[in-house]
Amino acid sequence: MRVARRDDDFHARTRDTATTMRDKLARVGRQTETAMAGRGMNIGEASAACGVSAKMIRYYESVSLIRPAGRTAAGYRRYDDADIRTLRFLKRARGLGFSVEQMRDLLALWRDESRSKAEVRELALSHAEALEAKAREINEITRALRDLARRCQSNDADGCAIIDELAATSRQVMA
């Protein structure tokens, strides 16, 4: 009985969370439509519409990944629909781990309607290979740390394999 009640509570909370998220998405959609109705969006509205923080939007502008925003008479940034599409593109590219320079290349390819699919594919495959190499490196480091931790399990004062390894490495560097 108690387990069933917890399951019911869990399912109710899950439904409430899904409803809340759906409501938030709908609200962001309405905010985007309202903001875009002839006047564009300020940076906060743009951030909500594309899921990129205001700080990151300013950064993308400073490194010329997005064009300089239009300004109001009071100097506030204004973003139009094209800016929002570009920011969403950048968010997805960043989520896939592309660097700023790679995102710059991807943006150029996205905007070039005569682009070669092979060029886009090559950029993606090159990035995938770099990520795989980084993953192998991280796995090697993880294995080394687990091995050191395994060798340093007791609490006796005879030394610690982890500290001994780090100290040995630092002595080699200094020599």
Protein backbone atom coordinates (compact mmCIF):
# COMPACT_ATOMS: atom_id res chain seq x y z
CA MET A 1 0.00 0.00 0.00
CA ARG A 2 2.76 2.39 0.97
CA VAL A 3 4.76 1.64 -2.22
CA ALA A 4 1.68 2.13 -4.36
CA ARG A 5 1.04 5.50 -2.73
CA ARG A 6 4.65 6.60 -3.41
CA ASP A 7 4.24 5.49 -7.04
CA ASP A 8 1.02 7.50 -7.31
CA ASP A 9 2.76 10.54 -5.77
CA PHE A 10 5.66 10.13 -8.19
CA HIS A 11 3.34 9.92 -11.20
CA ALA A 12 1.38 12.94 -10.02
CA ARG A 13 4.58 14.98 -9.59
CA THR A 14 5.77 13.84 -13.02
CA ARG A 15 2.48 14.95 -14.59
CA ASP A 16 2.72 18.29 -12.75
CA THR A 17 6.30 18.78 -13.96
CA ALA A 18 5.32 17.96 -17.55
CA THR A 19 2.40 20.39 -17.34
CA THR A 20 4.63 23.10 -15.89
CA MET A 21 7.23 22.60 -18.65
CA ARG A 22 4.53 22.63 -21.34
CA ASP A 23 3.13 25.87 -19.87
CA LYS A 24 6.60 27.46 -19.77
CA LEU A 25 7.25 26.51 -23.41
CA ALA A 26 3.90 27.93 -24.46
CA ARG A 27 4.61 31.14 -22.53
CA VAL A 28 8.04 31.51 -24.19
CA GLY A 29 6.38 30.96 -27.57
CA ARG A 30 3.81 33.68 -26.83
CA GLN A 31 6.56 36.02 -25.58
CA THR A 32 8.51 35.43 -28.78
CA GLU A 33 5.48 36.15 -30.97
CA THR A 34 4.65 39.30 -28.98
CA ALA A 35 8.24 40.54 -28.98
CA MET A 36 8.66 39.91 -32.68
CA ALA A 37 5.48 41.76 -33.60
CA GLY A 38 7.24 44.61 -35.36
CA ARG A 39 9.69 45.68 -32.68
CA GLY A 40 12.10 42.78 -32.18
CA MET A 41 13.23 41.46 -28.82
CA ASN A 42 15.42 42.81 -26.10
CA ILE A 43 18.27 40.60 -24.90
CA GLY A 44 16.21 39.01 -22.11
CA GLU A 45 13.40 38.10 -24.49
CA ALA A 46 15.90 36.81 -27.06
CA SER A 47 17.57 34.72 -24.37
CA ALA A 48 14.25 33.17 -23.36
CA ALA A 49 13.29 32.55 -26.99
CA CYS A 50 16.47 30.74 -27.97
CA GLY A 51 17.73 29.26 -24.71
CA VAL A 52 21.06 31.08 -24.82
CA SER A 53 22.02 33.23 -21.82
CA ALA A 54 22.24 36.99 -22.25
CA LYS A 55 25.93 36.81 -21.32
CA MET A 56 26.55 34.23 -24.06
CA ILE A 57 24.60 36.33 -26.59
CA ARG A 58 26.86 39.30 -25.81
CA TYR A 59 29.90 37.02 -26.11
CA TYR A 60 28.76 35.69 -29.51
CA GLU A 61 28.36 39.29 -30.64
CA SER A 62 31.84 40.22 -29.32
CA VAL A 63 33.49 37.40 -31.30
CA SER A 64 31.37 38.20 -34.39
CA LEU A 65 29.40 34.95 -34.48
CA ILE A 66 26.27 37.06 -34.63
CA ARG A 67 25.95 40.45 -36.21
CA PRO A 68 25.95 43.49 -33.90
CA ALA A 69 22.44 43.87 -32.54
CA GLY A 70 20.32 46.77 -33.60
CA ARG A 71 19.85 49.36 -30.88
CA THR A 72 16.92 51.33 -29.57
CA ALA A 73 17.17 55.09 -29.09
CA ALA A 74 18.06 54.33 -25.46
CA GLY A 75 20.87 51.99 -26.57
CA TYR A 76 19.21 48.66 -25.76
CA ARG A 77 19.98 45.73 -28.01
CA ARG A 78 17.19 44.51 -30.31
CA TYR A 79 17.11 41.07 -31.92
CA ASP A 80 14.98 40.00 -34.85
CA ASP A 81 13.80 36.59 -36.01
CA ALA A 82 16.97 35.97 -38.04
CA ASP A 83 19.09 36.63 -34.94
CA ILE A 84 17.02 34.13 -32.93
CA ARG A 85 17.44 31.47 -35.64
CA THR A 86 21.20 32.08 -35.64
CA LEU A 87 21.37 31.88 -31.83
CA ARG A 88 19.43 28.59 -31.86
CA PHE A 89 21.84 27.27 -34.49
CA LEU A 90 24.80 28.29 -32.32
CA LYS A 91 23.25 26.74 -29.23
CA ARG A 92 22.88 23.40 -31.01
CA ALA A 93 26.41 23.59 -32.45
CA ARG A 94 27.85 24.42 -29.03
CA GLY A 95 25.85 21.56 -27.54
CA LEU A 96 27.64 19.25 -29.97
CA GLY A 97 30.97 20.56 -28.71
CA PHE A 98 32.00 22.66 -31.70
CA SER A 99 34.56 25.39 -30.98
CA VAL A 100 33.98 29.05 -31.78
CA GLU A 101 36.05 28.74 -34.97
CA GLN A 102 34.17 25.61 -36.03
CA MET A 103 30.87 27.37 -35.33
CA ARG A 104 32.07 30.26 -37.50
CA ASP A 105 32.75 27.77 -40.32
CA LEU A 106 29.38 26.08 -39.79
CA LEU A 107 27.57 29.42 -39.88
CA ALA A 108 29.30 30.31 -43.16
CA LEU A 109 28.27 26.95 -44.60
CA TRP A 110 24.70 27.34 -43.28
CA ARG A 111 24.39 30.74 -44.95
CA ASP A 112 25.93 29.55 -48.23
CA GLU A 113 23.11 27.94 -50.19
CA SER A 114 25.61 26.57 -52.72
CA ARG A 115 27.53 24.80 -49.97
CA SER A 116 28.93 21.36 -50.49
CA LYS A 117 27.43 18.64 -48.31
CA ALA A 118 30.84 16.98 -48.38
CA GLU A 119 32.41 20.03 -46.75
CA VAL A 120 29.85 20.03 -43.93
CA ARG A 121 30.23 16.29 -43.52
CA GLU A 122 34.04 16.56 -43.37
CA LEU A 123 33.83 19.23 -40.66
CA ALA A 124 31.46 17.05 -38.61
CA LEU A 125 33.54 13.89 -39.03
CA SER A 126 36.76 15.71 -38.15
CA HIS A 127 35.10 17.00 -34.98
CA ALA A 128 33.80 13.51 -34.14
CA GLU A 129 37.32 12.09 -34.49
CA ALA A 130 38.72 14.78 -32.17
CA LEU A 131 36.00 14.01 -29.62
CA GLU A 132 36.77 10.28 -29.84
CA ALA A 133 40.48 10.98 -29.23
CA LYS A 134 39.59 13.14 -26.22
CA ALA A 135 37.30 10.37 -24.90
CA ARG A 136 40.15 7.85 -25.18
CA GLU A 137 42.42 10.22 -23.28
CA ILE A 138 39.81 10.71 -20.54
CA ASN A 139 39.33 6.92 -20.28
CA GLU A 140 43.09 6.43 -19.84
CA ILE A 141 43.18 9.07 -17.10
CA THR A 142 40.18 7.46 -15.40
CA ARG A 143 41.82 4.03 -15.45
CA ALA A 144 45.04 5.47 -14.00
CA LEU A 145 43.16 7.23 -11.20
CA ARG A 146 41.15 4.11 -10.35
CA ASP A 147 44.37 2.07 -10.24
CA LEU A 148 46.02 4.60 -7.92
CA ALA A 149 42.94 4.70 -5.69
CA ARG A 150 42.88 0.89 -5.54
CA ARG A 151 46.53 0.89 -4.43
CA CYS A 152 45.77 3.47 -1.73
CA GLN A 153 42.91 1.78 0.15
CA SER A 154 44.26 1.39 3.69
CA ASN A 155 44.44 4.17 6.25
CA ASP A 156 47.88 3.22 7.57
CA ALA A 157 50.66 5.79 7.56
CA ASP A 158 52.89 3.91 5.10
CA GLY A 159 52.23 6.36 2.32
CA CYS A 160 49.66 6.81 -0.36
CA ALA A 161 50.07 5.65 -3.95
CA ILE A 162 48.25 8.71 -5.23
CA ILE A 163 50.45 11.21 -3.38
CA ASP A 164 53.58 9.16 -4.13
CA GLU A 165 52.75 9.13 -7.86
CA LEU A 166 52.08 12.87 -7.94
CA ALA A 167 55.28 13.58 -6.01
CA ALA A 168 57.33 11.33 -8.30
CA THR A 169 55.94 13.08 -11.35
CA SER A 170 56.65 16.53 -9.89
CA ARG A 171 60.26 15.51 -9.10
CA GLN A 172 60.70 14.41 -12.74
CA VAL A 173 59.40 17.74 -13.98
CA MET A 174 61.74 19.70 -11.72
CA ALA A 175 64.81 17.69 -12.75
